[in-house]
């Protein structure tokens, strides 16, 4: 489905290509518009899951469902928002190679969520120092050049801050609602 939407958008962009003064504009979706749109969907889903499911269940769970970092160990366990986000990223990676995304932080609880490239680190530091702003860059990994966008992952609920502030492996224990806790890194091959 994702490839179909991208292909449809590319055809529409090609049909709208302007030819003037002997020059053609490149067809397709601008990488910034593409990543901004992807992030809008990701942010809405993550915020809604956090506020409408996890926050309502509470740390002890409600009824038969218990949100927990070790959710697989419980018959009634539910993924935490970061784990749900990772599950989505892994599922998308199985469907398409048109883009990848991940949740990362310069204060990761789990080392696998630390920046892995200089551009990721620069982007995460930028969004932490400039609340409300996004970071855009390019990088070459292997023999592929990527457009890499980093968006702020903001604590939308006290469920976010208490989980991070109270976690035994958290390098930071003073997060507040509304603060940048990390970033969503979206990478698109150019």
N, C-alpha and C. Protein backbone atom coordinates (compact mmCIF):
# COMPACT_ATOMS: atom_id res chain seq x y z
N UNK A 1 0.83 -1.20 0.00
CA UNK A 1 0.00 0.00 0.00
C UNK A 1 0.87 1.25 0.00
N UNK A 2 1.93 1.27 0.81
CA UNK A 2 2.79 2.45 0.89
C UNK A 2 3.41 2.73 -0.47
N UNK A 3 3.93 1.67 -1.14
CA UNK A 3 4.55 1.87 -2.45
C UNK A 3 3.53 2.38 -3.46
N UNK A 4 2.28 1.91 -3.35
CA UNK A 4 1.23 2.35 -4.26
C UNK A 4 0.96 3.85 -4.08
N UNK A 5 0.90 4.30 -2.83
CA UNK A 5 0.67 5.73 -2.56
C UNK A 5 1.83 6.55 -3.10
N UNK A 6 3.04 6.09 -2.87
CA UNK A 6 4.21 6.80 -3.36
C UNK A 6 4.22 6.82 -4.88
N UNK A 7 3.92 5.68 -5.50
CA UNK A 7 3.89 5.62 -6.95
C UNK A 7 2.82 6.56 -7.52
N UNK A 8 1.66 6.59 -6.89
CA UNK A 8 0.58 7.48 -7.34
C UNK A 8 1.01 8.93 -7.22
N UNK A 9 1.64 9.29 -6.11
CA UNK A 9 2.11 10.66 -5.92
C UNK A 9 3.19 11.00 -6.94
N UNK A 10 4.07 10.06 -7.23
CA UNK A 10 5.14 10.30 -8.21
C UNK A 10 4.56 10.52 -9.60
N UNK A 11 3.52 9.74 -9.96
CA UNK A 11 2.86 9.93 -11.26
C UNK A 11 2.21 11.30 -11.32
N UNK A 12 1.54 11.68 -10.25
CA UNK A 12 0.88 13.00 -10.22
C UNK A 12 1.92 14.10 -10.32
N UNK A 13 3.04 13.94 -9.63
CA UNK A 13 4.09 14.95 -9.68
C UNK A 13 4.70 15.01 -11.08
N UNK A 14 4.86 13.86 -11.70
CA UNK A 14 5.42 13.83 -13.05
C UNK A 14 4.47 14.53 -14.02
N UNK A 15 3.16 14.28 -13.87
CA UNK A 15 2.17 14.91 -14.75
C UNK A 15 2.18 16.42 -14.57
N UNK A 16 2.57 16.87 -13.38
CA UNK A 16 2.56 18.30 -13.11
C UNK A 16 3.92 18.96 -13.34
N UNK A 17 4.89 18.17 -13.85
CA UNK A 17 6.23 18.73 -14.07
C UNK A 17 6.15 19.89 -15.04
N UNK A 18 6.78 20.99 -14.67
CA UNK A 18 6.76 22.18 -15.50
C UNK A 18 8.00 22.22 -16.37
N UNK A 19 7.82 22.53 -17.62
CA UNK A 19 8.95 22.69 -18.53
C UNK A 19 8.96 24.15 -18.96
N UNK A 20 10.03 24.82 -18.64
CA UNK A 20 10.12 26.22 -18.99
C UNK A 20 11.57 26.59 -19.24
N UNK A 21 11.80 27.38 -20.24
CA UNK A 21 13.15 27.82 -20.58
C UNK A 21 14.08 26.65 -20.83
N UNK A 22 13.54 25.55 -21.34
CA UNK A 22 14.37 24.40 -21.67
C UNK A 22 14.80 23.58 -20.47
N UNK A 23 14.31 23.89 -19.27
CA UNK A 23 14.70 23.14 -18.08
C UNK A 23 13.50 22.39 -17.54
N UNK A 24 13.76 21.18 -17.03
CA UNK A 24 12.72 20.39 -16.40
C UNK A 24 12.95 20.39 -14.90
N UNK A 25 11.86 20.52 -14.15
CA UNK A 25 11.96 20.35 -12.71
C UNK A 25 11.89 18.86 -12.41
N UNK A 26 12.60 18.42 -11.40
CA UNK A 26 12.58 17.02 -11.02
C UNK A 26 11.17 16.63 -10.55
N UNK A 27 10.77 15.42 -10.94
CA UNK A 27 9.46 14.92 -10.54
C UNK A 27 9.58 14.19 -9.21
N UNK A 28 8.47 14.05 -8.53
CA UNK A 28 8.45 13.32 -7.28
C UNK A 28 8.12 14.21 -6.11
N UNK A 29 8.20 13.64 -4.93
CA UNK A 29 7.87 14.35 -3.71
C UNK A 29 9.15 14.88 -3.09
N UNK A 30 9.14 16.12 -2.70
CA UNK A 30 10.27 16.71 -2.00
C UNK A 30 10.50 15.91 -0.72
N UNK A 31 11.74 15.49 -0.42
CA UNK A 31 12.00 14.67 0.77
C UNK A 31 11.52 15.32 2.08
N UNK A 32 11.61 16.64 2.18
CA UNK A 32 11.16 17.32 3.40
C UNK A 32 9.65 17.19 3.56
N UNK A 33 8.91 17.39 2.49
CA UNK A 33 7.45 17.25 2.54
C UNK A 33 7.08 15.80 2.87
N UNK A 34 7.79 14.87 2.26
CA UNK A 34 7.56 13.44 2.49
C UNK A 34 7.79 13.08 3.95
N UNK A 35 8.95 13.46 4.51
CA UNK A 35 9.25 13.11 5.90
C UNK A 35 8.36 13.87 6.88
N UNK A 36 8.05 15.13 6.58
CA UNK A 36 7.14 15.88 7.44
C UNK A 36 5.77 15.19 7.51
N UNK A 37 5.31 14.70 6.38
CA UNK A 37 4.01 14.01 6.33
C UNK A 37 4.05 12.69 7.09
N UNK A 38 5.12 11.93 6.89
CA UNK A 38 5.27 10.68 7.65
C UNK A 38 5.28 10.95 9.15
N UNK A 39 6.03 11.97 9.56
CA UNK A 39 6.12 12.29 10.98
C UNK A 39 4.76 12.69 11.55
N UNK A 40 3.97 13.43 10.79
CA UNK A 40 2.65 13.85 11.27
C UNK A 40 1.81 12.63 11.64
N UNK A 41 1.85 11.60 10.81
CA UNK A 41 1.09 10.37 11.09
C UNK A 41 1.68 9.66 12.31
N UNK A 42 2.99 9.54 12.35
CA UNK A 42 3.65 8.86 13.48
C UNK A 42 3.36 9.57 14.80
N UNK A 43 3.46 10.90 14.80
CA UNK A 43 3.23 11.68 16.02
C UNK A 43 1.79 11.52 16.49
N UNK A 44 0.84 11.59 15.57
CA UNK A 44 -0.57 11.44 15.94
C UNK A 44 -0.83 10.06 16.54
N UNK A 45 -0.32 9.02 15.90
CA UNK A 45 -0.52 7.66 16.41
C UNK A 45 0.12 7.48 17.78
N UNK A 46 1.35 7.95 17.94
CA UNK A 46 2.08 7.79 19.20
C UNK A 46 1.40 8.58 20.32
N UNK A 47 1.00 9.80 20.03
CA UNK A 47 0.32 10.63 21.04
C UNK A 47 -1.00 9.99 21.45
N UNK A 48 -1.78 9.55 20.49
CA UNK A 48 -3.07 8.94 20.81
C UNK A 48 -2.90 7.64 21.59
N UNK A 49 -1.95 6.82 21.22
CA UNK A 49 -1.71 5.57 21.96
C UNK A 49 -1.34 5.89 23.41
N UNK A 50 -0.46 6.88 23.59
CA UNK A 50 -0.02 7.26 24.93
C UNK A 50 -1.17 7.81 25.77
N UNK A 51 -1.90 8.78 25.22
CA UNK A 51 -2.95 9.44 25.99
C UNK A 51 -4.23 8.60 26.13
N UNK A 52 -4.61 7.90 25.07
CA UNK A 52 -5.89 7.20 25.07
C UNK A 52 -5.82 5.77 25.58
N UNK A 53 -4.62 5.17 25.57
CA UNK A 53 -4.49 3.80 26.04
C UNK A 53 -3.62 3.73 27.30
N UNK A 54 -2.36 4.05 27.18
CA UNK A 54 -1.43 3.89 28.30
C UNK A 54 -1.80 4.76 29.49
N UNK A 55 -2.05 6.03 29.27
CA UNK A 55 -2.41 6.94 30.37
C UNK A 55 -3.67 6.46 31.08
N UNK A 56 -4.64 5.99 30.32
CA UNK A 56 -5.91 5.54 30.92
C UNK A 56 -5.74 4.24 31.70
N UNK A 57 -4.81 3.39 31.26
CA UNK A 57 -4.59 2.13 31.98
C UNK A 57 -3.83 2.35 33.28
N UNK A 58 -2.92 3.34 33.28
CA UNK A 58 -2.12 3.61 34.46
C UNK A 58 -1.00 2.60 34.61
N UNK A 59 -0.03 2.87 35.48
CA UNK A 59 1.13 2.00 35.61
C UNK A 59 0.80 0.59 36.10
N UNK A 60 -0.26 0.45 36.89
CA UNK A 60 -0.61 -0.88 37.39
C UNK A 60 -1.52 -1.62 36.42
N UNK A 61 -1.96 -0.94 35.37
CA UNK A 61 -2.89 -1.55 34.43
C UNK A 61 -4.32 -1.37 34.90
N UNK A 62 -5.22 -1.75 34.05
CA UNK A 62 -6.63 -1.67 34.39
C UNK A 62 -7.30 -2.92 33.84
N UNK A 63 -8.07 -3.55 34.66
CA UNK A 63 -8.73 -4.76 34.20
C UNK A 63 -7.71 -5.82 33.83
N UNK A 64 -7.80 -6.30 32.64
CA UNK A 64 -6.95 -7.41 32.22
C UNK A 64 -5.69 -6.97 31.47
N UNK A 65 -5.44 -5.68 31.36
CA UNK A 65 -4.30 -5.21 30.57
C UNK A 65 -3.32 -4.44 31.43
N UNK A 66 -2.03 -4.81 31.32
CA UNK A 66 -0.98 -4.16 32.11
C UNK A 66 0.13 -3.66 31.19
N UNK A 67 0.28 -2.32 31.06
CA UNK A 67 1.40 -1.79 30.28
C UNK A 67 2.70 -2.01 31.06
N UNK A 68 3.69 -2.59 30.39
CA UNK A 68 4.94 -2.88 31.08
C UNK A 68 6.07 -3.05 30.07
N UNK A 69 7.25 -2.61 30.47
CA UNK A 69 8.44 -2.77 29.63
C UNK A 69 8.65 -4.24 29.26
N UNK A 70 8.34 -5.12 30.18
CA UNK A 70 8.51 -6.56 29.96
C UNK A 70 7.16 -7.21 29.65
N UNK A 71 6.41 -6.59 28.79
CA UNK A 71 5.04 -6.98 28.49
C UNK A 71 4.90 -8.42 28.04
N UNK A 72 5.92 -8.96 27.37
CA UNK A 72 5.84 -10.35 26.87
C UNK A 72 5.79 -11.36 28.00
N UNK A 73 6.25 -10.98 29.18
CA UNK A 73 6.28 -11.89 30.32
C UNK A 73 4.90 -12.04 30.98
N UNK A 74 3.95 -11.22 30.56
CA UNK A 74 2.61 -11.24 31.17
C UNK A 74 1.58 -11.70 30.15
N UNK A 75 0.62 -12.49 30.61
CA UNK A 75 -0.48 -12.88 29.73
C UNK A 75 -1.29 -11.67 29.30
N UNK A 76 -1.31 -10.64 30.17
CA UNK A 76 -2.10 -9.45 29.91
C UNK A 76 -1.23 -8.21 29.66
N UNK A 77 0.02 -8.42 29.25
CA UNK A 77 0.94 -7.30 29.05
C UNK A 77 0.63 -6.49 27.80
N UNK A 78 0.93 -5.19 27.87
CA UNK A 78 0.75 -4.29 26.74
C UNK A 78 2.06 -3.53 26.52
N UNK A 79 2.40 -3.31 25.28
CA UNK A 79 3.61 -2.57 24.94
C UNK A 79 3.55 -1.14 25.44
N UNK A 80 4.69 -0.61 25.85
CA UNK A 80 4.80 0.81 26.17
C UNK A 80 4.85 1.59 24.86
N UNK A 81 4.60 2.89 24.88
CA UNK A 81 4.59 3.67 23.63
C UNK A 81 5.86 3.53 22.79
N UNK A 82 7.03 3.57 23.41
CA UNK A 82 8.27 3.42 22.64
C UNK A 82 8.37 2.04 22.00
N UNK A 83 7.89 1.03 22.70
CA UNK A 83 7.91 -0.33 22.14
C UNK A 83 6.91 -0.47 21.00
N UNK A 84 5.76 0.17 21.13
CA UNK A 84 4.78 0.15 20.04
C UNK A 84 5.35 0.85 18.81
N UNK A 85 6.06 1.96 19.04
CA UNK A 85 6.67 2.70 17.94
C UNK A 85 7.71 1.83 17.22
N UNK A 86 8.55 1.13 17.99
CA UNK A 86 9.57 0.25 17.41
C UNK A 86 8.90 -0.88 16.62
N UNK A 87 7.83 -1.45 17.17
CA UNK A 87 7.12 -2.52 16.47
C UNK A 87 6.61 -2.02 15.12
N UNK A 88 6.09 -0.80 15.10
CA UNK A 88 5.64 -0.21 13.84
C UNK A 88 6.79 -0.03 12.86
N UNK A 89 7.91 0.47 13.34
CA UNK A 89 9.09 0.68 12.48
C UNK A 89 9.58 -0.64 11.90
N UNK A 90 9.58 -1.69 12.72
CA UNK A 90 10.02 -3.00 12.23
C UNK A 90 9.05 -3.56 11.20
N UNK A 91 7.76 -3.37 11.41
CA UNK A 91 6.76 -3.84 10.45
C UNK A 91 6.89 -3.10 9.12
N UNK A 92 7.10 -1.78 9.18
CA UNK A 92 7.27 -0.99 7.96
C UNK A 92 8.53 -1.46 7.21
N UNK A 93 9.61 -1.73 7.93
CA UNK A 93 10.86 -2.18 7.30
C UNK A 93 10.67 -3.49 6.54
N UNK A 94 9.73 -4.31 6.98
CA UNK A 94 9.44 -5.56 6.28
C UNK A 94 8.62 -5.32 5.01
N UNK A 95 7.91 -4.19 4.94
CA UNK A 95 7.03 -3.90 3.80
C UNK A 95 7.67 -3.08 2.70
N UNK A 96 8.63 -2.20 3.07
CA UNK A 96 9.16 -1.27 2.08
C UNK A 96 10.58 -0.88 2.43
N UNK A 97 11.32 -0.48 1.41
CA UNK A 97 12.64 0.09 1.65
C UNK A 97 12.67 1.56 1.21
N UNK A 98 11.47 2.16 1.09
CA UNK A 98 11.35 3.55 0.69
C UNK A 98 11.73 4.52 1.80
N UNK A 99 11.67 4.07 3.05
CA UNK A 99 12.07 4.90 4.19
C UNK A 99 12.23 4.01 5.41
N UNK A 100 12.96 4.53 6.40
CA UNK A 100 13.05 3.88 7.70
C UNK A 100 12.79 4.94 8.76
N UNK A 101 12.42 4.50 9.93
CA UNK A 101 12.27 5.43 11.03
C UNK A 101 12.60 4.74 12.35
N UNK A 102 12.99 5.56 13.31
CA UNK A 102 13.33 5.03 14.63
C UNK A 102 13.15 6.13 15.67
N UNK A 103 13.03 5.70 16.90
CA UNK A 103 12.94 6.60 18.04
C UNK A 103 14.30 6.56 18.73
N UNK A 104 14.94 7.71 18.85
CA UNK A 104 16.27 7.76 19.44
C UNK A 104 16.37 8.89 20.44
N UNK A 105 17.44 8.87 21.23
CA UNK A 105 17.63 9.91 22.23
C UNK A 105 19.10 10.06 22.58
N UNK A 106 19.47 11.26 22.99
CA UNK A 106 20.82 11.44 23.53
C UNK A 106 20.83 11.03 25.01
N UNK A 107 19.63 10.69 25.54
CA UNK A 107 19.48 10.15 26.89
C UNK A 107 18.72 8.82 26.83
N UNK A 108 19.22 7.84 26.09
CA UNK A 108 18.43 6.61 25.91
C UNK A 108 18.43 5.73 27.16
N UNK A 109 17.27 5.16 27.44
CA UNK A 109 17.18 4.14 28.49
C UNK A 109 17.79 2.85 27.96
N UNK A 110 17.53 2.57 26.70
CA UNK A 110 18.04 1.37 26.03
C UNK A 110 19.11 1.80 25.04
N UNK A 111 20.30 1.23 25.13
CA UNK A 111 21.43 1.64 24.29
C UNK A 111 21.13 1.54 22.79
N UNK A 112 20.23 0.66 22.40
CA UNK A 112 19.90 0.55 20.97
C UNK A 112 19.19 1.79 20.43
N UNK A 113 18.75 2.67 21.32
CA UNK A 113 18.08 3.90 20.91
C UNK A 113 18.99 5.12 20.92
N UNK A 114 20.29 4.90 21.05
CA UNK A 114 21.27 5.98 20.98
C UNK A 114 21.56 6.30 19.52
N UNK A 115 22.01 7.52 19.21
CA UNK A 115 22.34 7.85 17.82
C UNK A 115 23.47 6.96 17.32
N UNK A 116 23.38 6.59 16.04
CA UNK A 116 24.36 5.67 15.44
C UNK A 116 25.22 6.33 14.37
N UNK A 117 24.85 7.53 13.95
CA UNK A 117 25.64 8.22 12.92
C UNK A 117 25.86 9.66 13.38
N UNK A 118 26.87 10.33 12.83
CA UNK A 118 27.09 11.73 13.19
C UNK A 118 25.88 12.62 12.89
N UNK A 119 25.17 12.37 11.81
CA UNK A 119 24.00 13.20 11.47
C UNK A 119 22.88 12.97 12.49
N UNK A 120 22.66 11.72 12.90
CA UNK A 120 21.66 11.45 13.93
C UNK A 120 22.00 12.19 15.22
N UNK A 121 23.25 12.12 15.63
CA UNK A 121 23.67 12.79 16.87
C UNK A 121 23.50 14.30 16.75
N UNK A 122 23.94 14.86 15.62
CA UNK A 122 23.79 16.30 15.40
C UNK A 122 22.32 16.71 15.43
N UNK A 123 21.46 15.92 14.79
CA UNK A 123 20.03 16.22 14.76
C UNK A 123 19.39 16.14 16.13
N UNK A 124 19.73 15.11 16.90
CA UNK A 124 19.16 14.96 18.25
C UNK A 124 19.62 16.09 19.16
N UNK A 125 20.87 16.48 19.07
CA UNK A 125 21.37 17.60 19.88
C UNK A 125 20.70 18.91 19.45
N UNK A 126 20.47 19.07 18.14
CA UNK A 126 19.83 20.29 17.64
C UNK A 126 18.41 20.43 18.16
N UNK A 127 17.60 19.36 18.05
CA UNK A 127 16.20 19.47 18.49
C UNK A 127 16.09 19.62 20.00
N UNK A 128 17.06 19.09 20.75
CA UNK A 128 17.05 19.27 22.20
C UNK A 128 17.36 20.72 22.57
N UNK A 129 18.25 21.34 21.81
CA UNK A 129 18.65 22.73 22.09
C UNK A 129 17.69 23.75 21.48
N UNK A 130 16.85 23.32 20.54
CA UNK A 130 15.94 24.22 19.82
C UNK A 130 14.52 23.65 19.83
N UNK A 131 13.85 23.68 20.99
CA UNK A 131 12.51 23.09 21.09
C UNK A 131 11.56 23.62 20.01
N UNK A 132 10.80 22.69 19.44
CA UNK A 132 9.83 23.05 18.42
C UNK A 132 10.37 23.07 17.01
N UNK A 133 11.69 22.90 16.86
CA UNK A 133 12.29 22.91 15.53
C UNK A 133 12.66 21.49 15.11
N UNK A 134 12.71 21.29 13.81
CA UNK A 134 13.13 20.02 13.22
C UNK A 134 14.54 20.17 12.67
N UNK A 135 15.16 19.05 12.38
CA UNK A 135 16.51 19.05 11.81
C UNK A 135 16.47 18.24 10.51
N UNK A 136 17.13 18.77 9.48
CA UNK A 136 17.20 18.08 8.19
C UNK A 136 18.65 18.04 7.73
N UNK A 137 19.06 16.90 7.19
CA UNK A 137 20.42 16.78 6.68
C UNK A 137 20.50 15.65 5.68
N UNK A 138 21.68 15.49 5.12
CA UNK A 138 21.93 14.35 4.25
C UNK A 138 23.16 13.62 4.79
N UNK A 139 23.20 12.34 4.51
CA UNK A 139 24.34 11.53 4.92
C UNK A 139 24.48 10.36 3.98
N UNK A 140 25.70 9.88 3.85
CA UNK A 140 25.96 8.71 3.03
C UNK A 140 26.34 7.57 3.95
N UNK A 141 25.58 6.51 3.87
CA UNK A 141 25.84 5.30 4.65
C UNK A 141 26.05 4.17 3.65
N UNK A 142 27.23 3.55 3.72
CA UNK A 142 27.58 2.59 2.69
C UNK A 142 27.73 3.34 1.39
N UNK A 143 27.03 2.92 0.38
CA UNK A 143 27.09 3.63 -0.91
C UNK A 143 25.77 4.31 -1.26
N UNK A 144 24.94 4.56 -0.24
CA UNK A 144 23.64 5.19 -0.45
C UNK A 144 23.60 6.53 0.28
N UNK A 145 23.11 7.55 -0.42
CA UNK A 145 22.93 8.87 0.19
C UNK A 145 21.48 8.98 0.65
N UNK A 146 21.30 9.48 1.86
CA UNK A 146 19.98 9.58 2.47
C UNK A 146 19.65 11.02 2.84
N UNK A 147 18.38 11.36 2.75
CA UNK A 147 17.84 12.56 3.38
C UNK A 147 17.43 12.09 4.77
N UNK A 148 17.99 12.72 5.81
CA UNK A 148 17.70 12.32 7.19
C UNK A 148 17.05 13.48 7.91
N UNK A 149 15.88 13.22 8.46
CA UNK A 149 15.12 14.23 9.21
C UNK A 149 14.99 13.77 10.66
N UNK A 150 15.14 14.71 11.58
CA UNK A 150 15.00 14.41 13.00
C UNK A 150 13.95 15.35 13.58
N UNK A 151 12.93 14.77 14.20
CA UNK A 151 11.81 15.51 14.76
C UNK A 151 11.78 15.32 16.27
N UNK A 152 11.39 16.35 17.02
CA UNK A 152 11.37 16.22 18.47
C UNK A 152 10.30 15.23 18.94
N UNK A 153 10.68 14.39 19.87
CA UNK A 153 9.75 13.50 20.55
C UNK A 153 9.51 14.12 21.91
N UNK A 154 8.35 14.72 22.07
CA UNK A 154 8.02 15.51 23.25
C UNK A 154 7.17 14.68 24.21
N UNK A 155 7.42 14.81 25.50
CA UNK A 155 6.61 14.14 26.52
C UNK A 155 5.20 14.72 26.47
N UNK A 156 4.23 13.91 26.09
CA UNK A 156 2.86 14.38 25.94
C UNK A 156 2.00 14.10 27.17
N UNK A 157 2.56 13.36 28.12
CA UNK A 157 1.79 12.96 29.29
C UNK A 157 2.74 12.66 30.45
N UNK A 158 2.20 12.71 31.65
CA UNK A 158 3.02 12.32 32.80
C UNK A 158 3.35 10.83 32.76
N UNK A 159 2.62 10.05 31.96
CA UNK A 159 2.97 8.64 31.78
C UNK A 159 4.35 8.52 31.14
N UNK A 160 4.69 9.46 30.25
CA UNK A 160 6.01 9.48 29.59
C UNK A 160 7.10 9.84 30.60
N UNK A 161 6.89 10.95 31.29
CA UNK A 161 7.93 11.46 32.18
C UNK A 161 8.16 10.54 33.37
N UNK A 162 7.10 10.03 33.97
CA UNK A 162 7.30 9.17 35.14
C UNK A 162 8.00 7.87 34.75
N UNK A 163 7.65 7.32 33.60
CA UNK A 163 8.30 6.09 33.15
C UNK A 163 9.80 6.32 32.97
N UNK A 164 10.16 7.39 32.28
CA UNK A 164 11.58 7.68 32.04
C UNK A 164 12.30 8.12 33.31
N UNK A 165 11.68 9.01 34.08
CA UNK A 165 12.33 9.53 35.29
C UNK A 165 12.54 8.44 36.34
N UNK A 166 11.66 7.45 36.40
CA UNK A 166 11.74 6.41 37.42
C UNK A 166 12.47 5.15 36.96
N UNK A 167 12.82 5.08 35.68
CA UNK A 167 13.45 3.86 35.16
C UNK A 167 14.87 3.72 35.71
N UNK A 168 15.24 2.52 36.13
CA UNK A 168 16.54 2.29 36.75
C UNK A 168 17.71 2.55 35.80
N UNK A 169 17.50 2.46 34.50
CA UNK A 169 18.57 2.66 33.52
C UNK A 169 18.56 4.04 32.87
N UNK A 170 17.67 4.91 33.32
CA UNK A 170 17.56 6.23 32.69
C UNK A 170 18.73 7.13 33.08
N UNK A 171 19.41 7.70 32.09
CA UNK A 171 20.51 8.62 32.39
C UNK A 171 20.02 10.01 32.82
N UNK A 172 18.73 10.23 32.67
CA UNK A 172 18.15 11.52 33.05
C UNK A 172 16.85 11.27 33.81
N UNK A 173 16.67 11.97 34.92
CA UNK A 173 15.51 11.70 35.78
C UNK A 173 14.69 12.96 36.09
N UNK A 174 14.80 13.97 35.23
CA UNK A 174 14.10 15.24 35.51
C UNK A 174 13.24 15.72 34.34
N UNK A 175 12.77 14.80 33.49
CA UNK A 175 11.91 15.20 32.37
C UNK A 175 10.59 15.76 32.88
N UNK A 176 10.07 16.74 32.12
CA UNK A 176 8.77 17.33 32.42
C UNK A 176 7.89 17.23 31.18
N UNK A 177 6.58 17.19 31.39
CA UNK A 177 5.64 17.16 30.27
C UNK A 177 5.91 18.38 29.39
N UNK A 178 5.94 18.15 28.09
CA UNK A 178 6.19 19.22 27.13
C UNK A 178 7.65 19.34 26.71
N UNK A 179 8.54 18.64 27.38
CA UNK A 179 9.96 18.71 27.04
C UNK A 179 10.33 17.65 25.99
N UNK A 180 11.39 17.96 25.25
CA UNK A 180 11.94 17.02 24.28
C UNK A 180 12.65 15.91 25.05
N UNK A 181 12.25 14.67 24.78
CA UNK A 181 12.88 13.52 25.44
C UNK A 181 13.80 12.76 24.48
N UNK A 182 13.63 13.01 23.21
CA UNK A 182 14.40 12.33 22.18
C UNK A 182 13.92 12.80 20.84
N UNK A 183 14.10 11.95 19.83
CA UNK A 183 13.68 12.35 18.50
C UNK A 183 13.28 11.18 17.63
N UNK A 184 12.46 11.49 16.66
CA UNK A 184 12.09 10.51 15.63
C UNK A 184 13.00 10.79 14.44
N UNK A 185 13.77 9.77 14.05
CA UNK A 185 14.69 9.87 12.93
C UNK A 185 14.06 9.17 11.73
N UNK A 186 13.85 9.91 10.66
CA UNK A 186 13.29 9.34 9.43
C UNK A 186 14.34 9.48 8.35
N UNK A 187 14.61 8.38 7.67
CA UNK A 187 15.66 8.35 6.65
C UNK A 187 15.07 7.88 5.32
N UNK A 188 15.32 8.66 4.25
CA UNK A 188 14.82 8.34 2.91
C UNK A 188 16.00 8.29 1.95
N UNK A 189 16.15 7.18 1.21
CA UNK A 189 17.23 7.16 0.22
C UNK A 189 16.97 8.15 -0.90
N UNK A 190 18.02 8.85 -1.31
CA UNK A 190 17.88 9.83 -2.41
C UNK A 190 18.27 9.18 -3.74
